[in-house]
């Protein structure tokens, strides 16, 4: 049984003590950004990538198909159910659209072209996971939203009817159409849509278990021993979906990077590992391609099989697959 989240003075706490790169790190981080020489934004234009939406009219033979929209936005078709995670379609992940991290490539599929959805998962309230304009597109629909505690207030503000919002604590489970279970699990991160009022809403990872397949959507997290516990309680997983980008020396506790992400995959008892949270936005000091290039080496060393589809391409999960889509842009 996974323990529920804990709060202190109205703020949610991480599973273990965590340095969240607060004000004390601000000056050295700003200095590092000012002097950084890495290729944080691709020199070549990525894409365009385009989703063949006709594929969605035919269910995946394997029962599991993934379409990576970019970053942490995924269309997951699992055993007859279709789930969208952390949908972000805006050009920038920021409180305004005239400044802030900009997309490296346009979303390969229009929101209006998405297939019918059984659920939308929102892991936490950061701008690169909770996008106001994208959420507003779903206002007036009857698609159920499943989110971490406190995130529902944002969804309501953006137009989602409260009856269609289910807030989840760590360890909570919900049933989708009587044959798919979504469970919220711990993550090591933080929350807040600005410099102030941090951690007033919760952050989570999610287990999605269908009739045949069992997958782990890690969202944002630093490494912590809880991955082993999750693996023992809910694994093994046919696919772990784990963040590998936006890591850095000033915030090692809240993002994993490729080394720790591959360690998390092993701890989770995963069969295939899909890297996310890379190649879409400039959110760190490393080369935009560095996370995936390093992950390939770690995976080889640790005998991990990777699943790396091209952006926007619906791809069945039947075994190890690496599209190498980024290589022409190096």
C-alpha atoms as a PDB file:
ATOM      1  CA  UNK A   1       0.000   0.000   0.000  1.00  0.00           C
ATOM      2  CA  UNK A   2       1.427   3.380  -1.021  1.00  0.00           C
ATOM      3  CA  UNK A   3       1.236   6.006   1.715  1.00  0.00           C
ATOM      4  CA  UNK A   4      -0.805   9.143   1.169  1.00  0.00           C
ATOM      5  CA  UNK A   5       0.852  12.510   0.606  1.00  0.00           C
ATOM      6  CA  UNK A   6       1.829  14.607   3.605  1.00  0.00           C
ATOM      7  CA  UNK A   7       1.530  18.348   4.262  1.00  0.00           C
ATOM      8  CA  UNK A   8       3.244  20.787   6.567  1.00  0.00           C
ATOM      9  CA  UNK A   9       2.063  24.367   7.032  1.00  0.00           C
ATOM     10  CA  UNK A  10      -0.274  23.956   4.055  1.00  0.00           C
ATOM     11  CA  UNK A  11       2.502  22.742   1.738  1.00  0.00           C
ATOM     12  CA  UNK A  12       2.780  19.263   0.232  1.00  0.00           C
ATOM     13  CA  UNK A  13       5.964  17.394   1.089  1.00  0.00           C
ATOM     14  CA  UNK A  14       8.150  15.141  -1.006  1.00  0.00           C
ATOM     15  CA  UNK A  15       8.564  11.463  -0.079  1.00  0.00           C
ATOM     16  CA  UNK A  16      12.125  12.205   1.059  1.00  0.00           C
ATOM     17  CA  UNK A  17      13.954  15.489   1.806  1.00  0.00           C
ATOM     18  CA  UNK A  18      14.392  17.361  -1.472  1.00  0.00           C
ATOM     19  CA  UNK A  19      16.248  20.445  -2.670  1.00  0.00           C
ATOM     20  CA  UNK A  20      13.766  22.134  -4.990  1.00  0.00           C
ATOM     21  CA  UNK A  21      16.190  24.724  -6.409  1.00  0.00           C
ATOM     22  CA  UNK A  22      14.597  27.665  -4.633  1.00  0.00           C
ATOM     23  CA  UNK A  23      15.673  31.266  -4.167  1.00  0.00           C
ATOM     24  CA  UNK A  24      19.086  30.288  -2.823  1.00  0.00           C
ATOM     25  CA  UNK A  25      19.950  28.772  -6.222  1.00  0.00           C
ATOM     26  CA  UNK A  26      18.527  31.604  -8.319  1.00  0.00           C
ATOM     27  CA  UNK A  27      21.687  33.692  -8.765  1.00  0.00           C
ATOM     28  CA  UNK A  28      24.048  30.817  -9.689  1.00  0.00           C
ATOM     29  CA  UNK A  29      21.399  29.399 -12.042  1.00  0.00           C
ATOM     30  CA  UNK A  30      20.985  32.769 -13.787  1.00  0.00           C
ATOM     31  CA  UNK A  31      24.764  33.087 -14.079  1.00  0.00           C
ATOM     32  CA  UNK A  32      24.998  29.597 -15.586  1.00  0.00           C
ATOM     33  CA  UNK A  33      22.313  30.417 -18.157  1.00  0.00           C
ATOM     34  CA  UNK A  34      24.072  33.657 -19.099  1.00  0.00           C
ATOM     35  CA  UNK A  35      27.375  31.892 -19.813  1.00  0.00           C
ATOM     36  CA  UNK A  36      26.013  28.626 -21.247  1.00  0.00           C
ATOM     37  CA  UNK A  37      27.413  27.529 -24.648  1.00  0.00           C
ATOM     38  CA  UNK A  38      25.375  24.345 -25.151  1.00  0.00           C
ATOM     39  CA  UNK A  39      22.985  23.886 -28.093  1.00  0.00           C
ATOM     40  CA  UNK A  40      19.893  24.209 -25.913  1.00  0.00           C
ATOM     41  CA  UNK A  41      17.772  25.058 -28.982  1.00  0.00           C
ATOM     42  CA  UNK A  42      18.261  23.039 -32.206  1.00  0.00           C
ATOM     43  CA  UNK A  43      20.259  24.848 -34.899  1.00  0.00           C
ATOM     44  CA  UNK A  44      18.072  23.124 -37.499  1.00  0.00           C
ATOM     45  CA  UNK A  45      14.275  23.309 -37.555  1.00  0.00           C
ATOM     46  CA  UNK A  46      12.760  20.064 -36.293  1.00  0.00           C
ATOM     47  CA  UNK A  47      10.013  18.477 -38.361  1.00  0.00           C
ATOM     48  CA  UNK A  48       7.416  19.185 -39.355  1.00  0.00           C
ATOM     49  CA  UNK A  49       5.969  15.972 -37.986  1.00  0.00           C
ATOM     50  CA  UNK A  50       2.471  14.915 -38.977  1.00  0.00           C
ATOM     51  CA  UNK A  51       0.186  12.293 -37.459  1.00  0.00           C
ATOM     52  CA  UNK A  52      -1.681  10.009 -39.822  1.00  0.00           C
ATOM     53  CA  UNK A  53      -5.022  10.170 -38.005  1.00  0.00           C
ATOM     54  CA  UNK A  54      -6.533   7.423 -40.165  1.00  0.00           C
ATOM     55  CA  UNK A  55      -4.529   4.974 -38.056  1.00  0.00           C
ATOM     56  CA  UNK A  56      -6.815   5.661 -35.094  1.00  0.00           C
ATOM     57  CA  UNK A  57      -9.779   4.088 -36.896  1.00  0.00           C
ATOM     58  CA  UNK A  58      -8.127   0.693 -36.468  1.00  0.00           C
ATOM     59  CA  UNK A  59      -7.369  -0.521 -32.926  1.00  0.00           C
ATOM     60  CA  UNK A  60      -3.772  -1.623 -32.317  1.00  0.00           C
ATOM     61  CA  UNK A  61      -3.374  -5.371 -32.818  1.00  0.00           C
ATOM     62  CA  UNK A  62      -1.109  -5.584 -29.790  1.00  0.00           C
ATOM     63  CA  UNK A  63      -3.553  -3.642 -27.618  1.00  0.00           C
ATOM     64  CA  UNK A  64      -0.998  -0.907 -26.850  1.00  0.00           C
ATOM     65  CA  UNK A  65      -0.095   2.031 -29.085  1.00  0.00           C
ATOM     66  CA  UNK A  66       1.624   5.297 -28.179  1.00  0.00           C
ATOM     67  CA  UNK A  67       1.609   8.622 -30.008  1.00  0.00           C
ATOM     68  CA  UNK A  68       4.188  11.021 -28.579  1.00  0.00           C
ATOM     69  CA  UNK A  69       2.959  14.573 -29.171  1.00  0.00           C
ATOM     70  CA  UNK A  70       6.088  15.946 -27.500  1.00  0.00           C
ATOM     71  CA  UNK A  71       7.491  16.535 -24.015  1.00  0.00           C
ATOM     72  CA  UNK A  72       5.091  14.754 -21.598  1.00  0.00           C
ATOM     73  CA  UNK A  73       2.034  14.837 -23.858  1.00  0.00           C
ATOM     74  CA  UNK A  74       1.148  11.335 -25.003  1.00  0.00           C
ATOM     75  CA  UNK A  75      -1.857   9.697 -26.574  1.00  0.00           C
ATOM     76  CA  UNK A  76      -2.015   6.244 -25.024  1.00  0.00           C
ATOM     77  CA  UNK A  77      -4.231   3.570 -26.565  1.00  0.00           C
ATOM     78  CA  UNK A  78      -4.326   0.730 -24.069  1.00  0.00           C
ATOM     79  CA  UNK A  79      -6.575  -2.311 -24.341  1.00  0.00           C
ATOM     80  CA  UNK A  80      -9.498  -0.442 -25.875  1.00  0.00           C
ATOM     81  CA  UNK A  81      -9.146   2.788 -23.881  1.00  0.00           C
ATOM     82  CA  UNK A  82      -7.606   6.061 -25.066  1.00  0.00           C
ATOM     83  CA  UNK A  83      -5.901   8.329 -22.545  1.00  0.00           C
ATOM     84  CA  UNK A  84      -4.175  11.698 -23.017  1.00  0.00           C
ATOM     85  CA  UNK A  85      -1.451  12.765 -20.581  1.00  0.00           C
ATOM     86  CA  UNK A  86      -0.328  16.281 -19.623  1.00  0.00           C
ATOM     87  CA  UNK A  87      -1.670  17.880 -22.835  1.00  0.00           C
ATOM     88  CA  UNK A  88       0.343  20.942 -23.914  1.00  0.00           C
ATOM     89  CA  UNK A  89      -0.330  22.317 -27.393  1.00  0.00           C
ATOM     90  CA  UNK A  90       0.704  25.955 -26.887  1.00  0.00           C
ATOM     91  CA  UNK A  91       3.812  27.391 -28.532  1.00  0.00           C
ATOM     92  CA  UNK A  92       5.328  28.396 -25.211  1.00  0.00           C
ATOM     93  CA  UNK A  93       5.257  26.916 -21.719  1.00  0.00           C
ATOM     94  CA  UNK A  94       4.942  30.152 -19.813  1.00  0.00           C
ATOM     95  CA  UNK A  95       2.447  32.438 -18.117  1.00  0.00           C
ATOM     96  CA  UNK A  96       2.420  34.500 -21.337  1.00  0.00           C
ATOM     97  CA  UNK A  97       2.774  33.482 -24.983  1.00  0.00           C
ATOM     98  CA  UNK A  98       5.226  36.215 -26.020  1.00  0.00           C
ATOM     99  CA  UNK A  99       8.094  34.964 -23.856  1.00  0.00           C
ATOM    100  CA  UNK A 100       9.305  31.770 -22.261  1.00  0.00           C
ATOM    101  CA  UNK A 101      10.439  28.358 -23.569  1.00  0.00           C
ATOM    102  CA  UNK A 102       9.199  27.841 -27.142  1.00  0.00           C
ATOM    103  CA  UNK A 103       8.398  24.558 -28.893  1.00  0.00           C
ATOM    104  CA  UNK A 104      11.087  23.050 -31.124  1.00  0.00           C
ATOM    105  CA  UNK A 105       8.382  21.630 -33.398  1.00  0.00           C
ATOM    106  CA  UNK A 106       4.667  22.196 -33.821  1.00  0.00           C
ATOM    107  CA  UNK A 107       2.256  19.623 -32.361  1.00  0.00           C
ATOM    108  CA  UNK A 108       1.992  16.879 -34.982  1.00  0.00           C
ATOM    109  CA  UNK A 109      -1.757  16.504 -34.480  1.00  0.00           C
ATOM    110  CA  UNK A 110      -4.429  19.182 -34.018  1.00  0.00           C
ATOM    111  CA  UNK A 111      -6.537  18.995 -30.884  1.00  0.00           C
ATOM    112  CA  UNK A 112      -9.621  18.765 -33.082  1.00  0.00           C
ATOM    113  CA  UNK A 113      -8.178  15.655 -34.788  1.00  0.00           C
ATOM    114  CA  UNK A 114      -7.674  13.644 -31.623  1.00  0.00           C
ATOM    115  CA  UNK A 115      -9.627  10.398 -31.433  1.00  0.00           C
ATOM    116  CA  UNK A 116     -12.369  10.073 -28.774  1.00  0.00           C
ATOM    117  CA  UNK A 117     -10.793  10.163 -25.321  1.00  0.00           C
ATOM    118  CA  UNK A 118     -11.719   8.062 -22.291  1.00  0.00           C
ATOM    119  CA  UNK A 119      -9.622  10.132 -19.877  1.00  0.00           C
ATOM    120  CA  UNK A 120      -7.130  12.978 -19.529  1.00  0.00           C
ATOM    121  CA  UNK A 121      -4.416  12.814 -16.861  1.00  0.00           C
ATOM    122  CA  UNK A 122      -2.750  15.956 -15.465  1.00  0.00           C
ATOM    123  CA  UNK A 123       0.203  15.082 -13.248  1.00  0.00           C
ATOM    124  CA  UNK A 124       0.904  18.516 -11.752  1.00  0.00           C
ATOM    125  CA  UNK A 125       0.408  22.229 -12.356  1.00  0.00           C
ATOM    126  CA  UNK A 126       3.682  23.369 -13.978  1.00  0.00           C
ATOM    127  CA  UNK A 127       3.245  25.215 -17.282  1.00  0.00           C
ATOM    128  CA  UNK A 128       4.901  22.466 -19.307  1.00  0.00           C
ATOM    129  CA  UNK A 129       2.333  19.959 -18.009  1.00  0.00           C
ATOM    130  CA  UNK A 130      -0.790  22.066 -17.448  1.00  0.00           C
ATOM    131  CA  UNK A 131      -1.491  24.409 -20.365  1.00  0.00           C
ATOM    132  CA  UNK A 132      -4.394  26.846 -20.019  1.00  0.00           C
ATOM    133  CA  UNK A 133      -5.221  27.177 -23.720  1.00  0.00           C
ATOM    134  CA  UNK A 134      -5.118  23.435 -24.296  1.00  0.00           C
ATOM    135  CA  UNK A 135      -7.381  22.751 -21.330  1.00  0.00           C
ATOM    136  CA  UNK A 136      -9.826  25.407 -22.528  1.00  0.00           C
ATOM    137  CA  UNK A 137     -10.246  23.416 -25.756  1.00  0.00           C
ATOM    138  CA  UNK A 138     -11.822  20.608 -23.711  1.00  0.00           C
ATOM    139  CA  UNK A 139     -14.238  22.903 -21.852  1.00  0.00           C
ATOM    140  CA  UNK A 140     -17.810  21.843 -22.569  1.00  0.00           C
ATOM    141  CA  UNK A 141     -16.884  18.208 -23.268  1.00  0.00           C
ATOM    142  CA  UNK A 142     -17.699  15.253 -21.026  1.00  0.00           C
ATOM    143  CA  UNK A 143     -14.146  13.857 -20.979  1.00  0.00           C
ATOM    144  CA  UNK A 144     -13.147  12.956 -17.405  1.00  0.00           C
ATOM    145  CA  UNK A 145      -9.994  14.528 -15.987  1.00  0.00           C
ATOM    146  CA  UNK A 146      -7.825  12.819 -13.375  1.00  0.00           C
ATOM    147  CA  UNK A 147      -5.298  15.001 -11.589  1.00  0.00           C
ATOM    148  CA  UNK A 148      -3.267  15.412  -8.436  1.00  0.00           C
ATOM    149  CA  UNK A 149      -4.782  16.994  -5.334  1.00  0.00           C
ATOM    150  CA  UNK A 150      -5.419  20.710  -5.737  1.00  0.00           C
ATOM    151  CA  UNK A 151      -4.920  20.806  -9.507  1.00  0.00           C
ATOM    152  CA  UNK A 152      -8.667  20.671 -10.053  1.00  0.00           C
ATOM    153  CA  UNK A 153      -8.982  24.350  -9.135  1.00  0.00           C
ATOM    154  CA  UNK A 154      -6.941  25.249 -12.222  1.00  0.00           C
ATOM    155  CA  UNK A 155      -9.004  22.965 -14.444  1.00  0.00           C
ATOM    156  CA  UNK A 156     -12.230  24.555 -13.190  1.00  0.00           C
ATOM    157  CA  UNK A 157     -10.799  28.019 -13.782  1.00  0.00           C
ATOM    158  CA  UNK A 158      -9.974  27.004 -17.365  1.00  0.00           C
ATOM    159  CA  UNK A 159     -13.552  25.851 -18.004  1.00  0.00           C
ATOM    160  CA  UNK A 160     -13.739  22.184 -17.027  1.00  0.00           C
ATOM    161  CA  UNK A 161     -16.928  21.313 -15.140  1.00  0.00           C
ATOM    162  CA  UNK A 162     -16.190  20.150 -11.597  1.00  0.00           C
ATOM    163  CA  UNK A 163     -18.231  16.966 -12.051  1.00  0.00           C
ATOM    164  CA  UNK A 164     -15.720  15.789 -14.647  1.00  0.00           C
ATOM    165  CA  UNK A 165     -12.678  16.333 -12.396  1.00  0.00           C
ATOM    166  CA  UNK A 166     -11.344  13.682 -10.032  1.00  0.00           C
ATOM    167  CA  UNK A 167      -8.494  14.762  -7.785  1.00  0.00           C
ATOM    168  CA  UNK A 168      -6.260  11.931  -6.612  1.00  0.00           C
ATOM    169  CA  UNK A 169      -3.892  11.454  -3.709  1.00  0.00           C
ATOM    170  CA  UNK A 170      -0.987   9.022  -3.820  1.00  0.00           C
ATOM    171  CA  UNK A 171      -2.420   5.530  -3.601  1.00  0.00           C
ATOM    172  CA  UNK A 172      -5.867   6.464  -4.928  1.00  0.00           C
ATOM    173  CA  UNK A 173      -7.281   4.390  -7.797  1.00  0.00           C
ATOM    174  CA  UNK A 174     -10.131   4.996 -10.229  1.00  0.00           C
ATOM    175  CA  UNK A 175     -11.814   2.702 -12.741  1.00  0.00           C
ATOM    176  CA  UNK A 176     -12.233   3.746 -16.375  1.00  0.00           C
ATOM    177  CA  UNK A 177     -15.106   2.006 -18.163  1.00  0.00           C
ATOM    178  CA  UNK A 178     -14.881  -1.028 -15.846  1.00  0.00           C
ATOM    179  CA  UNK A 179     -11.729  -2.397 -17.485  1.00  0.00           C
ATOM    180  CA  UNK A 180      -8.902   0.104 -16.934  1.00  0.00           C
ATOM    181  CA  UNK A 181      -7.512   1.221 -13.585  1.00  0.00           C
ATOM    182  CA  UNK A 182      -5.583   4.466 -13.052  1.00  0.00           C
ATOM    183  CA  UNK A 183      -3.609   4.763  -9.810  1.00  0.00           C
ATOM    184  CA  UNK A 184      -1.791   7.870  -8.577  1.00  0.00           C
ATOM    185  CA  UNK A 185       1.647   7.196  -7.106  1.00  0.00           C
ATOM    186  CA  UNK A 186       4.352   9.308  -5.427  1.00  0.00           C
ATOM    187  CA  UNK A 187       6.883  11.406  -7.303  1.00  0.00           C
ATOM    188  CA  UNK A 188       9.760  13.579  -6.126  1.00  0.00           C
ATOM    189  CA  UNK A 189       9.148  17.034  -7.520  1.00  0.00           C
ATOM    190  CA  UNK A 190       7.347  20.274  -6.595  1.00  0.00           C
ATOM    191  CA  UNK A 191       4.456  22.413  -7.830  1.00  0.00           C
ATOM    192  CA  UNK A 192       3.367  25.992  -8.447  1.00  0.00           C
ATOM    193  CA  UNK A 193       2.708  28.275 -11.401  1.00  0.00           C
ATOM    194  CA  UNK A 194       5.072  31.031 -10.371  1.00  0.00           C
ATOM    195  CA  UNK A 195       7.927  31.906  -8.040  1.00  0.00           C
ATOM    196  CA  UNK A 196       5.620  32.162  -5.045  1.00  0.00           C
ATOM    197  CA  UNK A 197       3.015  29.780  -3.541  1.00  0.00           C
ATOM    198  CA  UNK A 198       4.974  26.631  -4.210  1.00  0.00           C
ATOM    199  CA  UNK A 199       3.708  23.167  -3.273  1.00  0.00           C
ATOM    200  CA  UNK A 200       0.106  24.111  -2.555  1.00  0.00           C
ATOM    201  CA  UNK A 201      -0.966  21.426  -5.044  1.00  0.00           C
ATOM    202  CA  UNK A 202       0.294  17.857  -5.329  1.00  0.00           C
ATOM    203  CA  UNK A 203       2.462  16.191  -8.007  1.00  0.00           C
ATOM    204  CA  UNK A 204       2.104  12.531  -8.961  1.00  0.00           C
ATOM    205  CA  UNK A 205       3.113   9.693 -11.219  1.00  0.00           C
ATOM    206  CA  UNK A 206       0.437   7.323 -12.555  1.00  0.00           C
ATOM    207  CA  UNK A 207      -0.013   3.609 -13.128  1.00  0.00           C
ATOM    208  CA  UNK A 208      -2.345   2.697 -15.997  1.00  0.00           C
ATOM    209  CA  UNK A 209      -3.473  -0.928 -15.979  1.00  0.00           C
ATOM    210  CA  UNK A 210      -5.669  -2.274 -18.760  1.00  0.00           C
ATOM    211  CA  UNK A 211      -7.073  -5.744 -19.381  1.00  0.00           C
ATOM    212  CA  UNK A 212      -3.740  -6.904 -20.797  1.00  0.00           C
ATOM    213  CA  UNK A 213      -1.109  -4.182 -20.364  1.00  0.00           C
ATOM    214  CA  UNK A 214       0.368  -2.390 -17.370  1.00  0.00           C
ATOM    215  CA  UNK A 215       2.284   0.873 -17.872  1.00  0.00           C
ATOM    216  CA  UNK A 216       3.892   3.532 -15.683  1.00  0.00           C
ATOM    217  CA  UNK A 217       3.667   7.244 -16.536  1.00  0.00           C
ATOM    218  CA  UNK A 218       6.326   8.938 -14.460  1.00  0.00           C
ATOM    219  CA  UNK A 219       5.624  12.608 -15.338  1.00  0.00           C
ATOM    220  CA  UNK A 220       8.234  14.706 -13.467  1.00  0.00           C
ATOM    221  CA  UNK A 221      10.357  13.270 -10.688  1.00  0.00           C
ATOM    222  CA  UNK A 222      13.802  13.087  -9.253  1.00  0.00           C
ATOM    223  CA  UNK A 223      15.092   9.671  -8.296  1.00  0.00           C
ATOM    224  CA  UNK A 224      13.949   8.247  -4.958  1.00  0.00           C
ATOM    225  CA  UNK A 225      13.587   4.807  -3.337  1.00  0.00           C
ATOM    226  CA  UNK A 226       9.842   4.882  -3.973  1.00  0.00           C
ATOM    227  CA  UNK A 227      10.373   3.594  -7.502  1.00  0.00           C
ATOM    228  CA  UNK A 228      11.364   0.215  -6.073  1.00  0.00           C
ATOM    229  CA  UNK A 229       8.278   0.159  -3.869  1.00  0.00           C
ATOM    230  CA  UNK A 230       6.044   1.038  -6.821  1.00  0.00           C
ATOM    231  CA  UNK A 231       7.647  -1.709  -8.877  1.00  0.00           C
ATOM    232  CA  UNK A 232       7.087  -4.265  -6.124  1.00  0.00           C
ATOM    233  CA  UNK A 233       3.467  -3.242  -5.538  1.00  0.00           C
ATOM    234  CA  UNK A 234       2.290  -2.563  -9.093  1.00  0.00           C
ATOM    235  CA  UNK A 235       4.909  -4.001 -11.449  1.00  0.00           C
ATOM    236  CA  UNK A 236       6.207  -5.462 -13.567  1.00  0.00           C
ATOM    237  CA  UNK A 237       5.427  -2.877 -16.239  1.00  0.00           C
ATOM    238  CA  UNK A 238       5.209  -3.552 -19.949  1.00  0.00           C
ATOM    239  CA  UNK A 239       6.323   0.057 -20.488  1.00  0.00           C
ATOM    240  CA  UNK A 240       7.786   2.714 -18.206  1.00  0.00           C
ATOM    241  CA  UNK A 241       7.430   6.273 -19.481  1.00  0.00           C
ATOM    242  CA  UNK A 242      10.113   8.326 -17.752  1.00  0.00           C
ATOM    243  CA  UNK A 243      11.519  11.846 -18.006  1.00  0.00           C
ATOM    244  CA  UNK A 244      15.118  12.127 -19.144  1.00  0.00           C
ATOM    245  CA  UNK A 245      15.493  15.847 -19.922  1.00  0.00           C
ATOM    246  CA  UNK A 246      15.688  19.190 -18.110  1.00  0.00           C
ATOM    247  CA  UNK A 247      18.253  17.928 -15.593  1.00  0.00           C
ATOM    248  CA  UNK A 248      21.116  19.978 -14.210  1.00  0.00           C
ATOM    249  CA  UNK A 249      23.672  20.294 -11.450  1.00  0.00           C
ATOM    250  CA  UNK A 250      21.594  22.911  -9.633  1.00  0.00           C
ATOM    251  CA  UNK A 251      18.445  20.781  -9.387  1.00  0.00           C
ATOM    252  CA  UNK A 252      19.484  17.102  -9.139  1.00  0.00           C
ATOM    253  CA  UNK A 253      16.676  16.186  -6.723  1.00  0.00           C
ATOM    254  CA  UNK A 254      13.689  17.140  -8.904  1.00  0.00           C
ATOM    255  CA  UNK A 255      14.677  15.807 -12.356  1.00  0.00           C
ATOM    256  CA  UNK A 256      16.393  12.488 -13.002  1.00  0.00           C
ATOM    257  CA  UNK A 257      18.313  12.779 -16.231  1.00  0.00           C
ATOM    258  CA  UNK A 258      19.078   9.685 -18.336  1.00  0.00           C
ATOM    259  CA  UNK A 259      21.232   7.849 -15.781  1.00  0.00           C
ATOM    260  CA  UNK A 260      18.785   7.937 -12.892  1.00  0.00           C
ATOM    261  CA  UNK A 261      15.813   7.503 -15.219  1.00  0.00           C
ATOM    262  CA  UNK A 262      17.308   4.237 -16.437  1.00  0.00           C
ATOM    263  CA  UNK A 263      17.891   3.257 -12.795  1.00  0.00           C
ATOM    264  CA  UNK A 264      14.231   4.048 -12.080  1.00  0.00           C
ATOM    265  CA  UNK A 265      13.176   1.803 -14.960  1.00  0.00           C
ATOM    266  CA  UNK A 266      15.109  -1.089 -13.450  1.00  0.00           C
ATOM    267  CA  UNK A 267      13.675  -0.426  -9.975  1.00  0.00           C
ATOM    268  CA  UNK A 268      10.153  -0.330 -11.430  1.00  0.00           C
ATOM    269  CA  UNK A 269      10.639  -3.759 -13.027  1.00  0.00           C
ATOM    270  CA  UNK A 270      10.021  -2.344 -16.487  1.00  0.00           C
ATOM    271  CA  UNK A 271      10.292  -4.356 -19.700  1.00  0.00           C
ATOM    272  CA  UNK A 272      10.558  -1.420 -22.145  1.00  0.00           C
ATOM    273  CA  UNK A 273      11.510   2.166 -21.338  1.00  0.00           C
ATOM    274  CA  UNK A 274      10.118   5.174 -23.202  1.00  0.00           C
ATOM    275  CA  UNK A 275      11.954   8.495 -22.625  1.00  0.00           C
ATOM    276  CA  UNK A 276       9.866  11.683 -22.445  1.00  0.00           C
ATOM    277  CA  UNK A 277      10.369  15.296 -21.310  1.00  0.00           C
ATOM    278  CA  UNK A 278      13.121  15.944 -23.856  1.00  0.00           C
ATOM    279  CA  UNK A 279      13.534  17.320 -27.382  1.00  0.00           C
ATOM    280  CA  UNK A 280      10.565  19.703 -27.204  1.00  0.00           C
ATOM    281  CA  UNK A 281      11.363  22.722 -25.008  1.00  0.00           C
ATOM    282  CA  UNK A 282      14.511  24.467 -23.761  1.00  0.00           C
ATOM    283  CA  UNK A 283      14.259  23.906 -20.008  1.00  0.00           C
ATOM    284  CA  UNK A 284      17.852  23.250 -18.964  1.00  0.00           C
ATOM    285  CA  UNK A 285      21.525  23.919 -19.717  1.00  0.00           C
ATOM    286  CA  UNK A 286      22.345  20.763 -21.664  1.00  0.00           C
ATOM    287  CA  UNK A 287      22.310  20.222 -25.440  1.00  0.00           C
ATOM    288  CA  UNK A 288      18.763  19.505 -26.585  1.00  0.00           C
ATOM    289  CA  UNK A 289      19.829  16.064 -27.862  1.00  0.00           C
ATOM    290  CA  UNK A 290      22.072  15.140 -24.939  1.00  0.00           C
ATOM    291  CA  UNK A 291      19.447  13.250 -22.876  1.00  0.00           C
ATOM    292  CA  UNK A 292      18.614  10.716 -25.582  1.00  0.00           C
ATOM    293  CA  UNK A 293      22.220  10.302 -26.704  1.00  0.00           C
ATOM    294  CA  UNK A 294      23.312   9.539 -23.144  1.00  0.00           C
ATOM    295  CA  UNK A 295      20.312   7.302 -22.487  1.00  0.00           C
ATOM    296  CA  UNK A 296      21.261   5.034 -25.369  1.00  0.00           C
ATOM    297  CA  UNK A 297      24.629   4.356 -23.746  1.00  0.00           C
ATOM    298  CA  UNK A 298      23.155   3.818 -20.286  1.00  0.00           C
ATOM    299  CA  UNK A 299      20.557   1.485 -21.754  1.00  0.00           C
ATOM    300  CA  UNK A 300      23.256  -0.553 -23.477  1.00  0.00           C
ATOM    301  CA  UNK A 301      25.301  -0.750 -20.277  1.00  0.00           C
ATOM    302  CA  UNK A 302      22.301  -1.756 -18.154  1.00  0.00           C
ATOM    303  CA  UNK A 303      20.719  -4.030 -20.778  1.00  0.00           C
ATOM    304  CA  UNK A 304      17.570  -1.923 -21.027  1.00  0.00           C
ATOM    305  CA  UNK A 305      15.361  -2.118 -24.111  1.00  0.00           C
ATOM    306  CA  UNK A 306      14.167   1.280 -25.321  1.00  0.00           C
ATOM    307  CA  UNK A 307      10.978   2.402 -27.048  1.00  0.00           C
ATOM    308  CA  UNK A 308      11.639   5.697 -28.866  1.00  0.00           C
ATOM    309  CA  UNK A 309       8.955   6.563 -31.446  1.00  0.00           C
ATOM    310  CA  UNK A 310       9.067   9.528 -33.806  1.00  0.00           C
ATOM    311  CA  UNK A 311       7.019  12.544 -32.681  1.00  0.00           C
ATOM    312  CA  UNK A 312       3.420  12.227 -33.833  1.00  0.00           C
ATOM    313  CA  UNK A 313       3.753   8.702 -35.208  1.00  0.00           C
ATOM    314  CA  UNK A 314       1.285   6.229 -33.660  1.00  0.00           C
ATOM    315  CA  UNK A 315       3.535   3.296 -32.788  1.00  0.00           C
ATOM    316  CA  UNK A 316       2.542  -0.078 -31.402  1.00  0.00           C
ATOM    317  CA  UNK A 317       4.445  -1.310 -28.387  1.00  0.00           C
ATOM    318  CA  UNK A 318       5.551  -4.783 -29.401  1.00  0.00           C
ATOM    319  CA  UNK A 319       9.216  -4.729 -28.417  1.00  0.00           C
ATOM    320  CA  UNK A 320      12.373  -2.626 -28.490  1.00  0.00           C
ATOM    321  CA  UNK A 321      12.187   0.173 -31.056  1.00  0.00           C
ATOM    322  CA  UNK A 322      14.358   3.232 -31.632  1.00  0.00           C
ATOM    323  CA  UNK A 323      13.341   5.516 -34.506  1.00  0.00           C
ATOM    324  CA  UNK A 324      16.453   7.685 -34.140  1.00  0.00           C
ATOM    325  CA  UNK A 325      14.271  10.573 -35.356  1.00  0.00           C
ATOM    326  CA  UNK A 326      16.530  13.295 -33.920  1.00  0.00           C
ATOM    327  CA  UNK A 327      19.743  12.187 -35.656  1.00  0.00           C
ATOM    328  CA  UNK A 328      19.186  14.071 -38.974  1.00  0.00           C
ATOM    329  CA  UNK A 329      19.009  17.323 -36.995  1.00  0.00           C
ATOM    330  CA  UNK A 330      22.392  17.032 -35.274  1.00  0.00           C
END
